[in-house]
Amino acid sequence: MKYEQSQFFTENEYDDVRGFTILEAQDGKYHIAEKWLKDNNEDAWIDYWVSESDLLSRVENDACEPHAMLTDNQFEKVCKNVGWRYDNTTAVTA
């Protein structure tokens, strides 16, 4: 897998998407947490799985780009926002 847990990406294709973070990477898939801007300027979070080939294709086409690695504190906040918990050794779904 090319990218790892807590990698943050900026979104270049959709104006309402602020960016997304990898929650976990396994078996050729990425579990993603995506931050959206709602109509009232509040943030909304969703999580979903995407294949590695789909993510790599989006990066190659400049639809999104790796930006930074989140700190442990930032990553923990993202996990809480999507209702997904982890500890420092193993990621587990809530």
PDB file of N, CA and C in Angstrom:
ATOM      1  N   MET A   1       0.848  -1.174   0.000  1.00  0.00           N
ATOM      2  CA  MET A   1       0.000   0.000   0.000  1.00  0.00           C
ATOM      3  C   MET A   1       0.895   1.239   0.000  1.00  0.00           C
ATOM      4  N   LYS A   2       0.559   2.153  -0.843  1.00  0.00           N
ATOM      5  CA  LYS A   2       1.396   3.337  -1.000  1.00  0.00           C
ATOM      6  C   LYS A   2       1.210   4.342   0.153  1.00  0.00           C
ATOM      7  N   TYR A   3      -0.019   4.484   0.645  1.00  0.00           N
ATOM      8  CA  TYR A   3      -0.297   5.456   1.704  1.00  0.00           C
ATOM      9  C   TYR A   3      -0.644   4.727   2.994  1.00  0.00           C
ATOM     10  N   GLU A   4      -0.488   5.426   4.107  1.00  0.00           N
ATOM     11  CA  GLU A   4      -0.703   4.783   5.396  1.00  0.00           C
ATOM     12  C   GLU A   4      -1.650   5.590   6.267  1.00  0.00           C
ATOM     13  N   GLN A   5      -1.993   4.994   7.397  1.00  0.00           N
ATOM     14  CA  GLN A   5      -2.892   5.607   8.361  1.00  0.00           C
ATOM     15  C   GLN A   5      -2.431   7.012   8.717  1.00  0.00           C
ATOM     16  N   SER A   6      -3.358   7.935   8.781  1.00  0.00           N
ATOM     17  CA  SER A   6      -3.220   9.350   9.153  1.00  0.00           C
ATOM     18  C   SER A   6      -2.680  10.244   8.038  1.00  0.00           C
ATOM     19  N   GLN A   7      -2.532   9.702   6.820  1.00  0.00           N
ATOM     20  CA  GLN A   7      -2.170  10.543   5.663  1.00  0.00           C
ATOM     21  C   GLN A   7      -3.363  11.428   5.336  1.00  0.00           C
ATOM     22  N   PHE A   8      -3.143  12.729   5.226  1.00  0.00           N
ATOM     23  CA  PHE A   8      -4.197  13.675   4.874  1.00  0.00           C
ATOM     24  C   PHE A   8      -4.036  14.104   3.428  1.00  0.00           C
ATOM     25  N   PHE A   9      -5.148  14.194   2.712  1.00  0.00           N
ATOM     26  CA  PHE A   9      -5.169  14.604   1.307  1.00  0.00           C
ATOM     27  C   PHE A   9      -6.020  15.852   1.154  1.00  0.00           C
ATOM     28  N   THR A  10      -5.626  16.739   0.271  1.00  0.00           N
ATOM     29  CA  THR A  10      -6.484  17.843  -0.121  1.00  0.00           C
ATOM     30  C   THR A  10      -7.308  17.374  -1.310  1.00  0.00           C
ATOM     31  N   GLU A  11      -8.507  17.884  -1.420  1.00  0.00           N
ATOM     32  CA  GLU A  11      -9.433  17.520  -2.482  1.00  0.00           C
ATOM     33  C   GLU A  11      -9.432  18.618  -3.533  1.00  0.00           C
ATOM     34  N   ASN A  12      -9.237  18.265  -4.785  1.00  0.00           N
ATOM     35  CA  ASN A  12      -9.190  19.248  -5.866  1.00  0.00           C
ATOM     36  C   ASN A  12     -10.383  19.161  -6.808  1.00  0.00           C
ATOM     37  N   GLU A  13     -11.196  18.141  -6.677  1.00  0.00           N
ATOM     38  CA  GLU A  13     -12.275  17.895  -7.630  1.00  0.00           C
ATOM     39  C   GLU A  13     -13.628  18.414  -7.167  1.00  0.00           C
ATOM     40  N   TYR A  14     -13.898  18.326  -5.885  1.00  0.00           N
ATOM     41  CA  TYR A  14     -15.209  18.706  -5.351  1.00  0.00           C
ATOM     42  C   TYR A  14     -15.064  19.869  -4.387  1.00  0.00           C
ATOM     43  N   ASP A  15     -15.759  20.971  -4.663  1.00  0.00           N
ATOM     44  CA  ASP A  15     -15.640  22.178  -3.842  1.00  0.00           C
ATOM     45  C   ASP A  15     -16.137  21.985  -2.412  1.00  0.00           C
ATOM     46  N   ASP A  16     -17.132  21.124  -2.224  1.00  0.00           N
ATOM     47  CA  ASP A  16     -17.705  20.927  -0.890  1.00  0.00           C
ATOM     48  C   ASP A  16     -16.878  19.998  -0.008  1.00  0.00           C
ATOM     49  N   VAL A  17     -15.874  19.341  -0.570  1.00  0.00           N
ATOM     50  CA  VAL A  17     -15.030  18.438   0.213  1.00  0.00           C
ATOM     51  C   VAL A  17     -13.765  19.191   0.604  1.00  0.00           C
ATOM     52  N   ARG A  18     -13.524  19.263   1.899  1.00  0.00           N
ATOM     53  CA  ARG A  18     -12.332  19.970   2.383  1.00  0.00           C
ATOM     54  C   ARG A  18     -11.089  19.108   2.257  1.00  0.00           C
ATOM     55  N   GLY A  19     -11.239  17.803   2.441  1.00  0.00           N
ATOM     56  CA  GLY A  19     -10.115  16.879   2.364  1.00  0.00           C
ATOM     57  C   GLY A  19     -10.491  15.560   3.000  1.00  0.00           C
ATOM     58  N   PHE A  20      -9.539  14.655   3.033  1.00  0.00           N
ATOM     59  CA  PHE A  20      -9.814  13.361   3.645  1.00  0.00           C
ATOM     60  C   PHE A  20      -8.548  12.748   4.215  1.00  0.00           C
ATOM     61  N   THR A  21      -8.741  11.801   5.118  1.00  0.00           N
ATOM     62  CA  THR A  21      -7.662  11.146   5.841  1.00  0.00           C
ATOM     63  C   THR A  21      -7.836   9.639   5.746  1.00  0.00           C
ATOM     64  N   ILE A  22      -6.738   8.930   5.685  1.00  0.00           N
ATOM     65  CA  ILE A  22      -6.787   7.476   5.701  1.00  0.00           C
ATOM     66  C   ILE A  22      -6.870   6.996   7.148  1.00  0.00           C
ATOM     67  N   LEU A  23      -7.932   6.257   7.450  1.00  0.00           N
ATOM     68  CA  LEU A  23      -8.094   5.672   8.778  1.00  0.00           C
ATOM     69  C   LEU A  23      -7.309   4.380   8.901  1.00  0.00           C
ATOM     70  N   GLU A  24      -7.332   3.571   7.857  1.00  0.00           N
ATOM     71  CA  GLU A  24      -6.546   2.344   7.831  1.00  0.00           C
ATOM     72  C   GLU A  24      -6.363   1.894   6.389  1.00  0.00           C
ATOM     73  N   ALA A  25      -5.345   1.091   6.188  1.00  0.00           N
ATOM     74  CA  ALA A  25      -5.042   0.543   4.872  1.00  0.00           C
ATOM     75  C   ALA A  25      -4.831  -0.956   5.022  1.00  0.00           C
ATOM     76  N   GLN A  26      -5.611  -1.734   4.264  1.00  0.00           N
ATOM     77  CA  GLN A  26      -5.447  -3.185   4.347  1.00  0.00           C
ATOM     78  C   GLN A  26      -6.074  -3.863   3.136  1.00  0.00           C
ATOM     79  N   ASP A  27      -5.481  -4.958   2.729  1.00  0.00           N
ATOM     80  CA  ASP A  27      -6.016  -5.811   1.664  1.00  0.00           C
ATOM     81  C   ASP A  27      -6.356  -5.042   0.384  1.00  0.00           C
ATOM     82  N   GLY A  28      -5.524  -4.086   0.009  1.00  0.00           N
ATOM     83  CA  GLY A  28      -5.746  -3.336  -1.223  1.00  0.00           C
ATOM     84  C   GLY A  28      -6.852  -2.304  -1.149  1.00  0.00           C
ATOM     85  N   LYS A  29      -7.279  -1.950   0.072  1.00  0.00           N
ATOM     86  CA  LYS A  29      -8.338  -0.953   0.258  1.00  0.00           C
ATOM     87  C   LYS A  29      -7.914   0.059   1.313  1.00  0.00           C
ATOM     88  N   TYR A  30      -8.473   1.250   1.190  1.00  0.00           N
ATOM     89  CA  TYR A  30      -8.264   2.308   2.169  1.00  0.00           C
ATOM     90  C   TYR A  30      -9.594   2.663   2.823  1.00  0.00           C
ATOM     91  N   HIS A  31      -9.590   2.766   4.148  1.00  0.00           N
ATOM     92  CA  HIS A  31     -10.737   3.260   4.895  1.00  0.00           C
ATOM     93  C   HIS A  31     -10.508   4.766   5.048  1.00  0.00           C
ATOM     94  N   ILE A  32     -11.410   5.552   4.512  1.00  0.00           N
ATOM     95  CA  ILE A  32     -11.251   6.998   4.381  1.00  0.00           C
ATOM     96  C   ILE A  32     -12.241   7.730   5.287  1.00  0.00           C
ATOM     97  N   ALA A  33     -11.797   8.824   5.896  1.00  0.00           N
ATOM     98  CA  ALA A  33     -12.675   9.770   6.596  1.00  0.00           C
ATOM     99  C   ALA A  33     -12.629  11.067   5.799  1.00  0.00           C
ATOM    100  N   GLU A  34     -13.795  11.508   5.350  1.00  0.00           N
ATOM    101  CA  GLU A  34     -13.860  12.676   4.471  1.00  0.00           C
ATOM    102  C   GLU A  34     -14.615  13.811   5.156  1.00  0.00           C
ATOM    103  N   LYS A  35     -14.061  15.008   5.056  1.00  0.00           N
ATOM    104  CA  LYS A  35     -14.637  16.195   5.691  1.00  0.00           C
ATOM    105  C   LYS A  35     -15.333  17.049   4.629  1.00  0.00           C
ATOM    106  N   TRP A  36     -16.651  17.245   4.825  1.00  0.00           N
ATOM    107  CA  TRP A  36     -17.478  18.027   3.912  1.00  0.00           C
ATOM    108  C   TRP A  36     -17.885  19.337   4.554  1.00  0.00           C
ATOM    109  N   LEU A  37     -18.106  20.345   3.743  1.00  0.00           N
ATOM    110  CA  LEU A  37     -18.662  21.618   4.206  1.00  0.00           C
ATOM    111  C   LEU A  37     -20.168  21.570   3.976  1.00  0.00           C
ATOM    112  N   LYS A  38     -20.938  21.694   5.057  1.00  0.00           N
ATOM    113  CA  LYS A  38     -22.395  21.690   4.946  1.00  0.00           C
ATOM    114  C   LYS A  38     -22.883  23.088   4.561  1.00  0.00           C
ATOM    115  N   ASP A  39     -24.155  23.185   4.225  1.00  0.00           N
ATOM    116  CA  ASP A  39     -24.759  24.451   3.788  1.00  0.00           C
ATOM    117  C   ASP A  39     -24.601  25.578   4.796  1.00  0.00           C
ATOM    118  N   ASN A  40     -24.609  25.276   6.074  1.00  0.00           N
ATOM    119  CA  ASN A  40     -24.527  26.313   7.098  1.00  0.00           C
ATOM    120  C   ASN A  40     -23.084  26.546   7.562  1.00  0.00           C
ATOM    121  N   ASN A  41     -22.125  26.212   6.705  1.00  0.00           N
ATOM    122  CA  ASN A  41     -20.698  26.392   6.966  1.00  0.00           C
ATOM    123  C   ASN A  41     -20.168  25.553   8.126  1.00  0.00           C
ATOM    124  N   GLU A  42     -20.905  24.513   8.507  1.00  0.00           N
ATOM    125  CA  GLU A  42     -20.411  23.561   9.488  1.00  0.00           C
ATOM    126  C   GLU A  42     -19.802  22.386   8.735  1.00  0.00           C
ATOM    127  N   ASP A  43     -18.960  21.643   9.420  1.00  0.00           N
ATOM    128  CA  ASP A  43     -18.335  20.484   8.804  1.00  0.00           C
ATOM    129  C   ASP A  43     -19.149  19.224   9.070  1.00  0.00           C
ATOM    130  N   ALA A  44     -19.177  18.348   8.102  1.00  0.00           N
ATOM    131  CA  ALA A  44     -19.799  17.038   8.239  1.00  0.00           C
ATOM    132  C   ALA A  44     -18.756  15.997   7.862  1.00  0.00           C
ATOM    133  N   TRP A  45     -18.812  14.850   8.502  1.00  0.00           N
ATOM    134  CA  TRP A  45     -17.839  13.795   8.252  1.00  0.00           C
ATOM    135  C   TRP A  45     -18.545  12.534   7.774  1.00  0.00           C
ATOM    136  N   ILE A  46     -17.923  11.836   6.829  1.00  0.00           N
ATOM    137  CA  ILE A  46     -18.380  10.510   6.418  1.00  0.00           C
ATOM    138  C   ILE A  46     -17.151   9.611   6.333  1.00  0.00           C
ATOM    139  N   ASP A  47     -17.376   8.320   6.428  1.00  0.00           N
ATOM    140  CA  ASP A  47     -16.275   7.388   6.219  1.00  0.00           C
ATOM    141  C   ASP A  47     -16.727   6.298   5.257  1.00  0.00           C
ATOM    142  N   TYR A  48     -15.806   5.759   4.513  1.00  0.00           N
ATOM    143  CA  TYR A  48     -16.099   4.749   3.506  1.00  0.00           C
ATOM    144  C   TYR A  48     -14.801   4.052   3.107  1.00  0.00           C
ATOM    145  N   TRP A  49     -14.929   2.982   2.358  1.00  0.00           N
ATOM    146  CA  TRP A  49     -13.782   2.241   1.840  1.00  0.00           C
ATOM    147  C   TRP A  49     -13.623   2.538   0.356  1.00  0.00           C
ATOM    148  N   VAL A  50     -12.377   2.626  -0.095  1.00  0.00           N
ATOM    149  CA  VAL A  50     -12.074   2.829  -1.510  1.00  0.00           C
ATOM    150  C   VAL A  50     -10.912   1.908  -1.875  1.00  0.00           C
ATOM    151  N   SER A  51     -10.925   1.410  -3.094  1.00  0.00           N
ATOM    152  CA  SER A  51      -9.827   0.539  -3.512  1.00  0.00           C
ATOM    153  C   SER A  51      -8.556   1.355  -3.710  1.00  0.00           C
ATOM    154  N   GLU A  52      -7.436   0.702  -3.527  1.00  0.00           N
ATOM    155  CA  GLU A  52      -6.156   1.381  -3.727  1.00  0.00           C
ATOM    156  C   GLU A  52      -6.044   1.905  -5.156  1.00  0.00           C
ATOM    157  N   SER A  53      -6.486   1.131  -6.132  1.00  0.00           N
ATOM    158  CA  SER A  53      -6.381   1.564  -7.533  1.00  0.00           C
ATOM    159  C   SER A  53      -7.206   2.822  -7.787  1.00  0.00           C
ATOM    160  N   ASP A  54      -8.395   2.931  -7.154  1.00  0.00           N
ATOM    161  CA  ASP A  54      -9.207   4.141  -7.323  1.00  0.00           C
ATOM    162  C   ASP A  54      -8.528   5.362  -6.718  1.00  0.00           C
ATOM    163  N   LEU A  55      -7.954   5.204  -5.535  1.00  0.00           N
ATOM    164  CA  LEU A  55      -7.270   6.335  -4.907  1.00  0.00           C
ATOM    165  C   LEU A  55      -6.041   6.748  -5.714  1.00  0.00           C
ATOM    166  N   LEU A  56      -5.237   5.781  -6.131  1.00  0.00           N
ATOM    167  CA  LEU A  56      -4.040   6.105  -6.907  1.00  0.00           C
ATOM    168  C   LEU A  56      -4.398   6.787  -8.222  1.00  0.00           C
ATOM    169  N   SER A  57      -5.479   6.351  -8.845  1.00  0.00           N
ATOM    170  CA  SER A  57      -5.941   6.979 -10.081  1.00  0.00           C
ATOM    171  C   SER A  57      -6.340   8.434  -9.849  1.00  0.00           C
ATOM    172  N   ARG A  58      -7.045   8.704  -8.739  1.00  0.00           N
ATOM    173  CA  ARG A  58      -7.435  10.081  -8.413  1.00  0.00           C
ATOM    174  C   ARG A  58      -6.205  10.958  -8.180  1.00  0.00           C
ATOM    175  N   VAL A  59      -5.193  10.415  -7.505  1.00  0.00           N
ATOM    176  CA  VAL A  59      -3.961  11.175  -7.261  1.00  0.00           C
ATOM    177  C   VAL A  59      -3.255  11.453  -8.586  1.00  0.00           C
ATOM    178  N   GLU A  60      -3.142  10.444  -9.437  1.00  0.00           N
ATOM    179  CA  GLU A  60      -2.483  10.616 -10.740  1.00  0.00           C
ATOM    180  C   GLU A  60      -3.194  11.646 -11.614  1.00  0.00           C
ATOM    181  N   ASN A  61      -4.519  11.745 -11.481  1.00  0.00           N
ATOM    182  CA  ASN A  61      -5.313  12.687 -12.274  1.00  0.00           C
ATOM    183  C   ASN A  61      -5.482  14.043 -11.587  1.00  0.00           C
ATOM    184  N   ASP A  62      -4.748  14.272 -10.506  1.00  0.00           N
ATOM    185  CA  ASP A  62      -4.783  15.528  -9.742  1.00  0.00           C
ATOM    186  C   ASP A  62      -6.153  15.857  -9.158  1.00  0.00           C
ATOM    187  N   ALA A  63      -6.998  14.843  -8.962  1.00  0.00           N
ATOM    188  CA  ALA A  63      -8.290  15.060  -8.320  1.00  0.00           C
ATOM    189  C   ALA A  63      -8.112  15.272  -6.817  1.00  0.00           C
ATOM    190  N   CYS A  64      -7.018  14.742  -6.282  1.00  0.00           N
ATOM    191  CA  CYS A  64      -6.661  14.945  -4.891  1.00  0.00           C
ATOM    192  C   CYS A  64      -5.148  14.816  -4.792  1.00  0.00           C
ATOM    193  N   GLU A  65      -4.593  15.254  -3.665  1.00  0.00           N
ATOM    194  CA  GLU A  65      -3.149  15.145  -3.517  1.00  0.00           C
ATOM    195  C   GLU A  65      -2.767  14.968  -2.058  1.00  0.00           C
ATOM    196  N   PRO A  66      -1.776  14.134  -1.794  1.00  0.00           N
ATOM    197  CA  PRO A  66      -1.292  13.981  -0.422  1.00  0.00           C
ATOM    198  C   PRO A  66      -0.776  15.324   0.079  1.00  0.00           C
ATOM    199  N   HIS A  67      -1.134  15.665   1.301  1.00  0.00           N
ATOM    200  CA  HIS A  67      -0.759  16.977   1.815  1.00  0.00           C
ATOM    201  C   HIS A  67       0.174  16.874   3.022  1.00  0.00           C
ATOM    202  N   ALA A  68      -0.209  16.057   4.009  1.00  0.00           N
ATOM    203  CA  ALA A  68       0.579  15.972   5.245  1.00  0.00           C
ATOM    204  C   ALA A  68       0.159  14.736   6.019  1.00  0.00           C
ATOM    205  N   MET A  69       0.951  14.426   7.019  1.00  0.00           N
ATOM    206  CA  MET A  69       0.576  13.387   7.974  1.00  0.00           C
ATOM    207  C   MET A  69      -0.037  14.091   9.177  1.00  0.00           C
ATOM    208  N   LEU A  70      -1.180  13.612   9.634  1.00  0.00           N
ATOM    209  CA  LEU A  70      -1.813  14.202  10.811  1.00  0.00           C
ATOM    210  C   LEU A  70      -1.035  13.817  12.060  1.00  0.00           C
ATOM    211  N   THR A  71      -1.051  14.697  13.038  1.00  0.00           N
ATOM    212  CA  THR A  71      -0.477  14.361  14.340  1.00  0.00           C
ATOM    213  C   THR A  71      -1.402  13.347  15.002  1.00  0.00           C
ATOM    214  N   ASP A  72      -0.935  12.700  16.061  1.00  0.00           N
ATOM    215  CA  ASP A  72      -1.771  11.747  16.791  1.00  0.00           C
ATOM    216  C   ASP A  72      -3.040  12.427  17.305  1.00  0.00           C
ATOM    217  N   ASN A  73      -2.914  13.635  17.807  1.00  0.00           N
ATOM    218  CA  ASN A  73      -4.061  14.372  18.324  1.00  0.00           C
ATOM    219  C   ASN A  73      -5.063  14.681  17.206  1.00  0.00           C
ATOM    220  N   GLN A  74      -4.591  15.151  16.055  1.00  0.00           N
ATOM    221  CA  GLN A  74      -5.469  15.433  14.922  1.00  0.00           C
ATOM    222  C   GLN A  74      -6.170  14.170  14.444  1.00  0.00           C
ATOM    223  N   PHE A  75      -5.405  13.069  14.346  1.00  0.00           N
ATOM    224  CA  PHE A  75      -5.971  11.819  13.878  1.00  0.00           C
ATOM    225  C   PHE A  75      -7.049  11.308  14.839  1.00  0.00           C
ATOM    226  N   GLU A  76      -6.805  11.425  16.125  1.00  0.00           N
ATOM    227  CA  GLU A  76      -7.803  11.007  17.112  1.00  0.00           C
ATOM    228  C   GLU A  76      -9.094  11.801  16.953  1.00  0.00           C
ATOM    229  N   LYS A  77      -8.997  13.104  16.714  1.00  0.00           N
ATOM    230  CA  LYS A  77     -10.185  13.940  16.505  1.00  0.00           C
ATOM    231  C   LYS A  77     -10.950  13.516  15.253  1.00  0.00           C
ATOM    232  N   VAL A  78     -10.241  13.200  14.185  1.00  0.00           N
ATOM    233  CA  VAL A  78     -10.893  12.729  12.959  1.00  0.00           C
ATOM    234  C   VAL A  78     -11.654  11.437  13.253  1.00  0.00           C
ATOM    235  N   CYS A  79     -11.009  10.513  13.945  1.00  0.00           N
ATOM    236  CA  CYS A  79     -11.648   9.237  14.275  1.00  0.00           C
ATOM    237  C   CYS A  79     -12.925   9.453  15.083  1.00  0.00           C
ATOM    238  N   LYS A  80     -12.886  10.355  16.040  1.00  0.00           N
ATOM    239  CA  LYS A  80     -14.073  10.656  16.844  1.00  0.00           C
ATOM    240  C   LYS A  80     -15.175  11.263  15.983  1.00  0.00           C
ATOM    241  N   ASN A  81     -14.805  12.100  15.026  1.00  0.00           N
ATOM    242  CA  ASN A  81     -15.796  12.746  14.165  1.00  0.00           C
ATOM    243  C   ASN A  81     -16.564  11.756  13.293  1.00  0.00           C
ATOM    244  N   VAL A  82     -15.958  10.644  12.937  1.00  0.00           N
ATOM    245  CA  VAL A  82     -16.660   9.643  12.115  1.00  0.00           C
ATOM    246  C   VAL A  82     -17.125   8.454  12.942  1.00  0.00           C
ATOM    247  N   GLY A  83     -16.909   8.498  14.254  1.00  0.00           N
ATOM    248  CA  GLY A  83     -17.344   7.408  15.111  1.00  0.00           C
ATOM    249  C   GLY A  83     -16.497   6.160  14.981  1.00  0.00           C
ATOM    250  N   TRP A  84     -15.232   6.337  14.717  1.00  0.00           N
ATOM    251  CA  TRP A  84     -14.298   5.223  14.559  1.00  0.00           C
ATOM    252  C   TRP A  84     -13.210   5.387  15.592  1.00  0.00           C
ATOM    253  N   ARG A  85     -12.920   4.335  16.340  1.00  0.00           N
ATOM    254  CA  ARG A  85     -11.917   4.482  17.384  1.00  0.00           C
ATOM    255  C   ARG A  85     -10.684   3.626  17.072  1.00  0.00           C
ATOM    256  N   TYR A  86      -9.609   3.985  17.666  1.00  0.00           N
ATOM    257  CA  TYR A  86      -8.360   3.242  17.473  1.00  0.00           C
ATOM    258  C   TYR A  86      -7.531   3.388  18.736  1.00  0.00           C
ATOM    259  N   ASP A  87      -6.525   2.537  18.856  1.00  0.00           N
ATOM    260  CA  ASP A  87      -5.519   2.761  19.876  1.00  0.00           C
ATOM    261  C   ASP A  87      -4.172   2.824  19.154  1.00  0.00           C
ATOM    262  N   ASN A  88      -3.115   3.004  19.853  1.00  0.00           N
ATOM    263  CA  ASN A  88      -1.813   3.211  19.213  1.00  0.00           C
ATOM    264  C   ASN A  88      -1.244   1.976  18.547  1.00  0.00           C
ATOM    265  N   THR A  89      -1.811   0.806  18.806  1.00  0.00           N
ATOM    266  CA  THR A  89      -1.259  -0.414  18.210  1.00  0.00           C
ATOM    267  C   THR A  89      -2.176  -1.051  17.183  1.00  0.00           C
ATOM    268  N   THR A  90      -3.484  -0.915  17.364  1.00  0.00           N
ATOM    269  CA  THR A  90      -4.419  -1.608  16.485  1.00  0.00           C
ATOM    270  C   THR A  90      -5.632  -0.734  16.214  1.00  0.00           C
ATOM    271  N   ALA A  91      -6.044  -0.681  14.971  1.00  0.00           N
ATOM    272  CA  ALA A  91      -7.269   0.034  14.619  1.00  0.00           C
ATOM    273  C   ALA A  91      -8.439  -0.930  14.723  1.00  0.00           C
ATOM    274  N   VAL A  92      -9.522  -0.473  15.343  1.00  0.00           N
ATOM    275  CA  VAL A  92     -10.732  -1.285  15.455  1.00  0.00           C
ATOM    276  C   VAL A  92     -11.953  -0.407  15.222  1.00  0.00           C
ATOM    277  N   THR A  93     -12.971  -0.983  14.629  1.00  0.00           N
ATOM    278  CA  THR A  93     -14.194  -0.213  14.425  1.00  0.00           C
ATOM    279  C   THR A  93     -15.000  -0.162  15.710  1.00  0.00           C
ATOM    280  N   ALA A  94     -15.698   0.919  15.894  1.00  0.00           N
ATOM    281  CA  ALA A  94     -16.480   1.114  17.118  1.00  0.00           C
ATOM    282  C   ALA A  94     -17.772   0.316  17.061  1.00  0.00           C
TER     283      ALA A  94
END
